[in-house]
């Protein structure tokens, strides 16, 4: 997955009762080692990294299989919102990391207003990424490290 550049208005902290054309987006700070979400959690938000680095990983027994890293300008956590499935991996801040929180309702509105072909294409892409992740986990289970990071 490539990095996505800013296509979302600059984020601000949400004052009580504030609203706007996209709603007001929250900025959230995660300290080093803090899980932003865990594998299996329901998805309520996607995240845009403003500063810092996030590691995306899955547990395989007592091992941690790194799927990739997301840095400034990158988006993660969108898959659970698009295909309405639980989180397929855990996202952990590698250092002090600031993210724009993109609520499910905002992404749903954007997708609903998109061309039906684009919506279908996005869902197909999500299925393909999930399939690649399953393949990576099979390789990891057999100690085959020939599959590169999926997210970088």
Protein backbone atom coordinates (compact mmCIF):
# COMPACT_ATOMS: atom_id res chain seq x y z
CA UNK A 1 0.00 0.00 0.00
CA UNK A 2 1.30 3.42 -0.83
CA UNK A 3 1.10 6.35 1.46
CA UNK A 4 -1.88 8.61 1.13
CA UNK A 5 -1.31 12.33 1.24
CA UNK A 6 -3.55 14.78 3.03
CA UNK A 7 -7.00 14.74 1.48
CA UNK A 8 -8.71 15.61 4.74
CA UNK A 9 -9.08 19.16 6.06
CA UNK A 10 -6.58 20.05 8.81
CA UNK A 11 -7.63 18.53 12.11
CA UNK A 12 -8.50 20.46 15.21
CA UNK A 13 -9.52 19.43 18.68
CA UNK A 14 -13.27 19.12 18.95
CA UNK A 15 -14.80 21.85 21.09
CA UNK A 16 -18.13 20.83 22.64
CA UNK A 17 -20.95 21.21 20.12
CA UNK A 18 -18.61 22.03 17.21
CA UNK A 19 -19.50 20.91 13.71
CA UNK A 20 -18.53 21.65 10.12
CA UNK A 21 -18.87 20.28 6.60
CA UNK A 22 -16.94 17.14 7.53
CA UNK A 23 -17.57 17.37 11.23
CA UNK A 24 -14.58 18.43 13.28
CA UNK A 25 -11.86 15.80 13.36
CA UNK A 26 -10.02 14.98 16.57
CA UNK A 27 -6.26 14.78 16.97
CA UNK A 28 -5.08 12.09 19.35
CA UNK A 29 -1.62 11.55 20.81
CA UNK A 30 -0.41 7.98 21.39
CA UNK A 31 2.72 7.38 23.43
CA UNK A 32 5.38 4.81 22.49
CA UNK A 33 4.08 1.26 22.89
CA UNK A 34 0.43 2.26 23.14
CA UNK A 35 -1.96 0.14 21.07
CA UNK A 36 -4.24 2.30 18.94
CA UNK A 37 -6.46 -0.71 18.33
CA UNK A 38 -6.11 -4.46 18.71
CA UNK A 39 -6.67 -7.35 16.33
CA UNK A 40 -10.31 -8.50 16.59
CA UNK A 41 -11.63 -5.15 17.86
CA UNK A 42 -14.62 -3.64 16.05
CA UNK A 43 -13.68 -0.75 13.76
CA UNK A 44 -15.14 2.64 14.61
CA UNK A 45 -12.39 4.94 13.29
CA UNK A 46 -9.68 5.16 10.67
CA UNK A 47 -6.51 7.15 11.37
CA UNK A 48 -4.28 9.56 9.46
CA UNK A 49 -0.75 9.80 10.88
CA UNK A 50 0.23 13.44 11.37
CA UNK A 51 3.53 12.73 13.14
CA UNK A 52 5.30 9.63 14.36
CA UNK A 53 5.17 6.01 13.23
CA UNK A 54 2.68 3.17 13.66
CA UNK A 55 3.50 -0.53 13.41
CA UNK A 56 0.79 -2.82 12.05
CA UNK A 57 1.19 -6.40 13.28
CA UNK A 58 -0.55 -9.69 13.92
CA UNK A 59 0.04 -12.22 16.65
CA UNK A 60 1.10 -15.72 15.60
CA UNK A 61 1.29 -17.76 18.77
CA UNK A 62 3.85 -15.93 20.88
CA UNK A 63 5.38 -14.22 17.83
CA UNK A 64 4.67 -10.77 16.44
CA UNK A 65 4.41 -10.75 12.64
CA UNK A 66 4.95 -7.21 11.35
CA UNK A 67 2.78 -6.39 8.35
CA UNK A 68 4.27 -2.95 7.91
CA UNK A 69 4.66 0.61 9.14
CA UNK A 70 2.63 3.76 8.57
CA UNK A 71 4.25 7.17 8.89
CA UNK A 72 3.21 10.79 8.38
CA UNK A 73 0.56 11.17 5.67
CA UNK A 74 -0.36 7.49 5.82
CA UNK A 75 -3.81 6.14 6.63
CA UNK A 76 -4.56 2.95 8.55
CA UNK A 77 -7.57 1.30 10.16
CA UNK A 78 -9.80 2.01 7.15
CA UNK A 79 -10.37 -1.62 6.18
CA UNK A 80 -12.60 -2.49 9.14
CA UNK A 81 -14.78 0.50 8.30
CA UNK A 82 -15.07 -0.23 4.60
CA UNK A 83 -15.89 -3.93 4.80
CA UNK A 84 -17.44 -3.87 8.29
CA UNK A 85 -15.25 -6.64 9.71
CA UNK A 86 -13.22 -6.76 12.93
CA UNK A 87 -9.69 -5.36 12.95
CA UNK A 88 -7.37 -7.80 11.16
CA UNK A 89 -4.26 -6.60 12.99
CA UNK A 90 -3.02 -4.54 15.90
CA UNK A 91 -1.74 -0.97 15.43
CA UNK A 92 0.89 0.20 17.92
CA UNK A 93 2.62 3.58 18.20
CA UNK A 94 6.39 3.13 17.82
CA UNK A 95 7.11 6.52 19.38
CA UNK A 96 5.11 9.57 20.29
CA UNK A 97 2.54 9.55 17.46
CA UNK A 98 -0.20 12.02 16.59
CA UNK A 99 -3.14 10.83 14.50
CA UNK A 100 -6.21 12.46 13.02
CA UNK A 101 -9.19 10.32 14.02
CA UNK A 102 -11.55 9.72 11.07
CA UNK A 103 -14.94 8.55 12.34
CA UNK A 104 -16.83 5.72 10.65
CA UNK A 105 -19.78 8.02 9.87
CA UNK A 106 -17.59 10.41 7.88
CA UNK A 107 -16.00 7.65 5.82
CA UNK A 108 -19.41 6.05 5.27
CA UNK A 109 -20.83 9.35 3.96
CA UNK A 110 -17.87 9.78 1.61
CA UNK A 111 -18.20 6.24 0.28
CA UNK A 112 -21.97 6.53 -0.09
CA UNK A 113 -21.54 9.60 -2.28
CA UNK A 114 -18.87 7.94 -4.44
CA UNK A 115 -19.56 6.40 -7.83
CA UNK A 116 -20.84 2.78 -7.44
CA UNK A 117 -17.90 1.53 -9.53
CA UNK A 118 -15.44 3.21 -7.14
CA UNK A 119 -17.23 1.73 -4.10
CA UNK A 120 -17.06 -1.76 -5.63
CA UNK A 121 -13.40 -1.29 -6.51
CA UNK A 122 -12.55 -0.22 -2.95
CA UNK A 123 -14.30 -3.30 -1.53
CA UNK A 124 -12.42 -5.57 -3.96
CA UNK A 125 -9.13 -3.95 -2.92
CA UNK A 126 -9.98 -4.56 0.75
CA UNK A 127 -10.65 -8.25 0.05
CA UNK A 128 -7.33 -8.49 -1.82
CA UNK A 129 -5.39 -6.94 1.06
CA UNK A 130 -7.04 -9.31 3.54
CA UNK A 131 -6.14 -12.23 1.28
CA UNK A 132 -2.50 -11.08 1.04
CA UNK A 133 -2.40 -10.78 4.82
CA UNK A 134 -3.65 -14.36 5.20
CA UNK A 135 -0.93 -15.47 2.76
CA UNK A 136 1.72 -13.59 4.75
CA UNK A 137 0.56 -15.28 7.94
CA UNK A 138 0.80 -18.71 6.29
CA UNK A 139 4.37 -17.89 5.23
CA UNK A 140 5.16 -16.65 8.73
CA UNK A 141 3.77 -19.84 10.26
CA UNK A 142 6.16 -21.84 8.09
CA UNK A 143 9.06 -19.43 8.77
CA UNK A 144 9.12 -18.39 5.10
CA UNK A 145 10.20 -14.74 5.16
CA UNK A 146 10.04 -14.29 1.38
CA UNK A 147 6.80 -12.30 1.58
CA UNK A 148 7.65 -8.59 1.97
CA UNK A 149 5.87 -6.14 4.26
CA UNK A 150 2.36 -5.43 3.06
CA UNK A 151 2.32 -1.85 4.31
CA UNK A 152 5.28 0.49 3.78
